[in-house]
Amino acid sequence: MSAKTFFFSDIHLGLPNAEQSRLREQKLVALIDELKHDAEQFFFVGDIFDFWWEYKYVVPRGYVRFLGKIAELTDSGIPVCFFTGNHDIWMKNYLTDELGIQLIYKDLDLIIQNKKIYIAHGDGLGPGDKSYKFLKKVFTNKTLQWLFSRLHPNFAFSLAYTWSHGRRKKEQYIKFEGQDKELLFLYANELLKKTHYDYLIFGHRHIPLIQELTSDSKIANIGEWVHKFTFLELSDGNIFLKTYKNSIIESYIQNLDESFKTSIF
């Protein structure tokens, strides 16, 4: 059996509370246990945590089942790559030192199974979305980060969780409006004008899909691990969208006419 590569995104561990987050975490760990026997590598493409901040000697509590499972993967020689997303953009060296992962802050261009692949979380890419792009500059400002790190962790984490969770009191519904309106599709098409990719893989939008952009290029959005429990599998150079329901891995059947409950903002 050939080795497979797996992609997860938008897990948002910590959402909406510790109890419900732990149930999703346990489900994820159970799936990773199933997949690891055939895995050549794992990619977690951003928003793994709903909030993550590292002080020099302090990190957020919780997530020990997931973090332990990642350590088990890397200890056994399976490479694991974490991308920062718009919710966990402040990951630094703790996870690389403790788990042996590779941490990616922007995007990645690589060859897997003889396929040229572009991978990015997807936040702030494409035209428009100027308000978020400005907000991202604020979040990544070194001076503001230094000032935030001067706050006591109890106050800083409470403030961050209140802000992050407060934005989700009214969950939003998004609908796939077609390739000509989705910013990541527009961004992917611009990339393809310069470089060929077999697959362009994104997270962020929470819409699980695989669609053709050209006759030999496809875009894939991983979906999320909050409501749909979807992930991507790359096997023998082919990409598949799958879901994990009732402890069973199934092929994900797309219905892009439906609306998707989301928590991306």
Protein backbone atom coordinates (compact mmCIF):
# COMPACT_ATOMS: atom_id res chain seq x y z
CA MET A 1 0.00 0.00 0.00
CA SER A 2 1.42 3.40 -0.99
CA ALA A 3 2.02 6.06 1.63
CA LYS A 4 -0.51 8.88 1.89
CA THR A 5 -0.31 12.54 2.81
CA PHE A 6 -3.08 14.10 4.89
CA PHE A 7 -4.19 17.71 5.22
CA PHE A 8 -6.27 19.23 8.03
CA SER A 9 -7.28 22.84 8.62
CA ASP A 10 -9.45 25.06 10.81
CA ILE A 11 -9.71 22.74 13.79
CA HIS A 12 -10.13 25.70 16.16
CA LEU A 13 -9.24 23.78 19.32
CA GLY A 14 -10.66 25.67 22.29
CA LEU A 15 -13.91 26.55 20.51
CA PRO A 16 -16.55 27.07 21.86
CA ASN A 17 -15.48 25.87 25.32
CA ALA A 18 -13.11 23.36 26.89
CA GLU A 19 -15.67 20.55 27.14
CA GLN A 20 -16.90 20.64 23.55
CA SER A 21 -13.42 21.31 22.22
CA ARG A 22 -12.15 18.19 23.99
CA LEU A 23 -14.78 16.04 22.29
CA ARG A 24 -13.60 17.29 18.89
CA GLU A 25 -9.99 16.84 19.97
CA GLN A 26 -10.62 13.21 20.97
CA LYS A 27 -12.30 12.58 17.62
CA LEU A 28 -9.32 14.07 15.79
CA VAL A 29 -6.82 12.02 17.78
CA ALA A 30 -8.80 8.85 17.02
CA LEU A 31 -8.68 9.64 13.30
CA ILE A 32 -4.95 10.38 13.35
CA ASP A 33 -4.47 6.98 15.02
CA GLU A 34 -6.23 5.37 12.07
CA LEU A 35 -4.34 7.34 9.43
CA LYS A 36 -0.82 7.14 10.82
CA HIS A 37 -0.21 3.58 9.62
CA ASP A 38 -0.42 4.68 5.97
CA ALA A 39 0.90 8.23 6.38
CA GLU A 40 4.05 9.63 4.85
CA GLN A 41 3.35 13.10 6.34
CA PHE A 42 0.70 15.35 7.87
CA PHE A 43 -0.06 19.01 7.15
CA PHE A 44 -2.16 21.15 9.51
CA VAL A 45 -2.94 24.20 7.42
CA GLY A 46 -3.71 26.92 9.97
CA ASP A 47 -6.25 27.77 12.66
CA ILE A 48 -5.34 24.61 14.52
CA PHE A 49 -6.05 26.52 17.72
CA ASP A 50 -8.74 29.13 18.13
CA PHE A 51 -6.15 31.17 20.02
CA TRP A 52 -2.47 30.56 20.70
CA TRP A 53 0.09 32.84 22.29
CA GLU A 54 3.53 31.99 23.63
CA TYR A 55 5.29 33.76 26.44
CA LYS A 56 8.87 32.81 27.10
CA TYR A 57 7.84 30.40 29.88
CA VAL A 58 4.04 30.15 29.45
CA VAL A 59 1.80 28.63 26.77
CA PRO A 60 -1.99 28.04 26.70
CA ARG A 61 -3.23 25.16 28.82
CA GLY A 62 -5.07 22.22 27.29
CA TYR A 63 -4.85 20.27 24.00
CA VAL A 64 -2.59 17.65 25.59
CA ARG A 65 -4.18 14.73 23.71
CA PHE A 66 -3.62 16.36 20.35
CA LEU A 67 -0.13 17.64 21.16
CA GLY A 68 0.84 14.23 22.55
CA LYS A 69 -0.36 12.54 19.37
CA ILE A 70 1.68 14.95 17.22
CA ALA A 71 4.75 14.19 19.32
CA GLU A 72 4.08 10.50 18.79
CA LEU A 73 3.99 11.02 15.02
CA THR A 74 7.24 12.96 14.86
CA ASP A 75 8.96 10.61 17.31
CA SER A 76 8.08 7.74 14.98
CA GLY A 77 9.61 9.59 12.02
CA ILE A 78 6.44 10.91 10.35
CA PRO A 79 6.96 14.56 9.35
CA VAL A 80 4.33 17.04 10.57
CA CYS A 81 3.97 20.60 9.31
CA PHE A 82 1.95 23.34 11.06
CA PHE A 83 0.87 26.49 9.23
CA THR A 84 -0.09 29.57 11.19
CA GLY A 85 -3.62 30.82 10.53
CA ASN A 86 -5.40 34.04 11.38
CA HIS A 87 -6.34 32.64 14.82
CA ASP A 88 -2.98 31.12 15.78
CA ILE A 89 -0.61 33.44 13.96
CA TRP A 90 1.47 33.82 17.15
CA MET A 91 2.90 30.29 17.20
CA LYS A 92 6.65 30.48 17.79
CA ASN A 93 9.35 28.02 18.82
CA TYR A 94 7.59 26.09 21.62
CA LEU A 95 5.81 23.68 19.28
CA THR A 96 8.87 23.17 17.08
CA ASP A 97 11.08 22.51 20.12
CA GLU A 98 8.63 20.23 21.93
CA LEU A 99 6.96 18.43 19.02
CA GLY A 100 9.59 18.50 16.30
CA ILE A 101 7.20 19.99 13.76
CA GLN A 102 8.02 22.32 10.88
CA LEU A 103 6.29 25.68 11.34
CA ILE A 104 5.25 27.68 8.25
CA TYR A 105 4.23 31.34 8.56
CA LYS A 106 3.24 32.06 4.95
CA ASP A 107 2.91 29.50 2.16
CA LEU A 108 4.68 26.43 0.87
CA ASP A 109 5.60 25.29 -2.62
CA LEU A 110 6.72 21.67 -2.88
CA ILE A 111 6.62 18.36 -4.71
CA ILE A 112 4.69 15.45 -3.17
CA GLN A 113 4.09 12.17 -5.00
CA ASN A 114 5.44 13.79 -8.19
CA LYS A 115 2.79 16.51 -8.01
CA LYS A 116 3.61 20.20 -7.73
CA ILE A 117 1.57 21.59 -4.85
CA TYR A 118 0.95 25.04 -3.41
CA ILE A 119 -0.28 25.19 0.21
CA ALA A 120 -1.40 28.21 2.24
CA HIS A 121 -3.90 28.90 5.00
CA GLY A 122 -5.57 31.48 2.77
CA ASP A 123 -6.25 34.46 5.03
CA GLY A 124 -5.66 37.81 3.37
CA LEU A 125 -4.96 36.32 -0.06
CA GLY A 126 -6.58 37.60 -3.21
CA PRO A 127 -8.03 41.02 -3.98
CA GLY A 128 -10.06 43.07 -1.52
CA ASP A 129 -10.53 42.20 2.17
CA LYS A 130 -8.62 45.36 3.09
CA SER A 131 -9.96 45.51 6.65
CA TYR A 132 -8.56 42.09 7.51
CA LYS A 133 -5.25 42.82 5.76
CA PHE A 134 -4.90 45.90 7.95
CA LEU A 135 -5.82 43.88 11.04
CA LYS A 136 -3.21 41.29 10.17
CA LYS A 137 -0.54 43.98 10.01
CA VAL A 138 -1.58 45.05 13.51
CA PHE A 139 -1.44 41.47 14.82
CA THR A 140 2.02 40.89 13.33
CA ASN A 141 3.50 44.21 14.47
CA LYS A 142 6.53 43.38 16.63
CA THR A 143 6.10 46.39 18.92
CA LEU A 144 2.44 45.58 19.63
CA GLN A 145 3.34 41.93 20.22
CA TRP A 146 6.01 43.01 22.70
CA LEU A 147 3.48 45.19 24.53
CA PHE A 148 0.92 42.37 24.66
CA SER A 149 3.52 40.00 26.07
CA ARG A 150 4.04 42.42 28.98
CA LEU A 151 0.47 41.67 30.16
CA HIS A 152 -0.03 39.01 32.81
CA PRO A 153 -1.04 35.72 31.12
CA ASN A 154 -4.27 35.44 33.12
CA PHE A 155 -5.43 38.83 31.86
CA ALA A 156 -3.98 38.50 28.35
CA PHE A 157 -5.51 35.08 27.65
CA SER A 158 -8.86 36.10 29.12
CA LEU A 159 -8.89 39.18 26.91
CA ALA A 160 -7.97 37.18 23.81
CA TYR A 161 -10.53 34.41 24.42
CA THR A 162 -13.27 36.96 25.09
CA TRP A 163 -12.50 38.78 21.85
CA SER A 164 -12.16 35.62 19.75
CA HIS A 165 -15.23 33.82 21.08
CA GLY A 166 -17.29 36.97 21.26
CA ARG A 167 -17.12 37.35 17.51
CA ARG A 168 -18.90 34.01 17.17
CA LYS A 169 -22.02 34.68 19.21
CA LYS A 170 -23.86 34.81 15.91
CA GLU A 171 -22.44 32.14 13.67
CA GLN A 172 -22.44 33.18 10.06
CA TYR A 173 -23.51 31.21 7.03
CA ILE A 174 -21.50 31.45 3.85
CA LYS A 175 -22.36 30.10 0.44
CA PHE A 176 -20.08 29.19 -2.41
CA GLU A 177 -20.89 31.82 -5.02
CA GLY A 178 -18.76 30.47 -7.84
CA GLN A 179 -15.16 30.72 -8.95
CA ASP A 180 -15.49 34.30 -10.17
CA LYS A 181 -16.43 35.56 -6.68
CA GLU A 182 -14.30 33.47 -4.32
CA LEU A 183 -11.11 35.38 -3.44
CA LEU A 184 -9.00 32.23 -3.14
CA PHE A 185 -10.06 31.11 -6.60
CA LEU A 186 -9.06 34.50 -8.01
CA TYR A 187 -5.73 34.29 -6.18
CA ALA A 188 -5.12 30.73 -7.40
CA ASN A 189 -5.83 31.69 -11.00
CA GLU A 190 -3.29 34.52 -10.76
CA LEU A 191 -0.68 32.09 -9.43
CA LEU A 192 -1.33 29.72 -12.32
CA LYS A 193 -0.57 32.48 -14.81
CA LYS A 194 3.01 32.44 -13.51
CA THR A 195 3.59 28.84 -12.38
CA HIS A 196 1.93 25.50 -12.97
CA TYR A 197 0.60 23.64 -9.96
CA ASP A 198 -1.20 20.34 -9.99
CA TYR A 199 -2.98 21.20 -6.74
CA LEU A 200 -3.49 24.42 -4.80
CA ILE A 201 -4.58 23.65 -1.25
CA PHE A 202 -6.12 26.15 1.17
CA GLY A 203 -7.94 26.34 4.48
CA HIS A 204 -9.60 29.40 6.04
CA ARG A 205 -12.86 29.49 4.11
CA HIS A 206 -14.34 26.38 5.78
CA ILE A 207 -15.95 25.33 2.47
CA PRO A 208 -14.90 21.72 1.69
CA LEU A 209 -14.40 21.36 -2.05
CA ILE A 210 -12.20 20.19 -4.89
CA GLN A 211 -12.68 21.89 -8.26
CA GLU A 212 -10.79 22.14 -11.53
CA LEU A 213 -9.21 25.46 -12.38
CA THR A 214 -7.64 24.28 -15.62
CA SER A 215 -7.44 20.95 -17.39
CA ASP A 216 -4.44 19.97 -15.26
CA SER A 217 -4.81 22.07 -12.08
CA LYS A 218 -7.23 21.72 -9.19
CA ILE A 219 -8.01 23.86 -6.16
CA ALA A 220 -8.89 22.17 -2.88
CA ASN A 221 -10.28 23.70 0.28
CA ILE A 222 -9.81 21.39 3.24
CA GLY A 223 -12.97 22.48 5.04
CA GLU A 224 -13.02 22.43 8.83
CA TRP A 225 -13.12 20.35 11.99
CA VAL A 226 -15.94 22.20 13.75
CA HIS A 227 -19.09 21.01 11.95
CA LYS A 228 -18.10 19.04 8.83
CA PHE A 229 -14.99 17.15 10.08
CA THR A 230 -13.37 17.09 6.64
CA PHE A 231 -9.78 16.52 5.53
CA LEU A 232 -7.81 15.87 2.35
CA GLU A 233 -5.94 12.75 1.36
CA LEU A 234 -3.25 12.65 -1.32
CA SER A 235 -2.70 9.10 -2.51
CA ASP A 236 -0.86 7.92 -5.64
CA GLY A 237 -0.85 11.50 -6.87
CA ASN A 238 -4.63 11.86 -6.61
CA ILE A 239 -6.40 14.12 -4.12
CA PHE A 240 -9.56 13.16 -2.26
CA LEU A 241 -11.88 15.06 0.06
CA LYS A 242 -13.02 12.96 2.99
CA THR A 243 -15.01 13.29 6.20
CA TYR A 244 -14.94 11.49 9.52
CA LYS A 245 -18.42 10.71 10.78
CA ASN A 246 -19.41 8.29 13.50
CA SER A 247 -15.83 7.00 13.58
CA ILE A 248 -16.03 6.10 9.87
CA ILE A 249 -13.99 7.69 7.08
CA GLU A 250 -16.22 8.52 4.12
CA SER A 251 -15.78 10.28 0.82
CA TYR A 252 -17.21 13.77 1.15
CA ILE A 253 -20.10 14.45 -1.20
CA GLN A 254 -20.12 18.11 -2.18
CA ASN A 255 -23.26 20.12 -2.47
CA LEU A 256 -22.09 23.62 -3.26
CA ASP A 257 -25.65 24.92 -3.38
CA GLU A 258 -25.91 24.56 0.37
CA SER A 259 -24.83 27.16 2.91
CA PHE A 260 -22.02 26.37 5.31
CA LYS A 261 -22.11 27.25 8.97
CA THR A 262 -18.78 28.81 9.71
CA SER A 263 -16.69 30.46 12.37
CA ILE A 264 -13.91 31.94 10.27
CA PHE A 265 -14.17 35.58 11.33
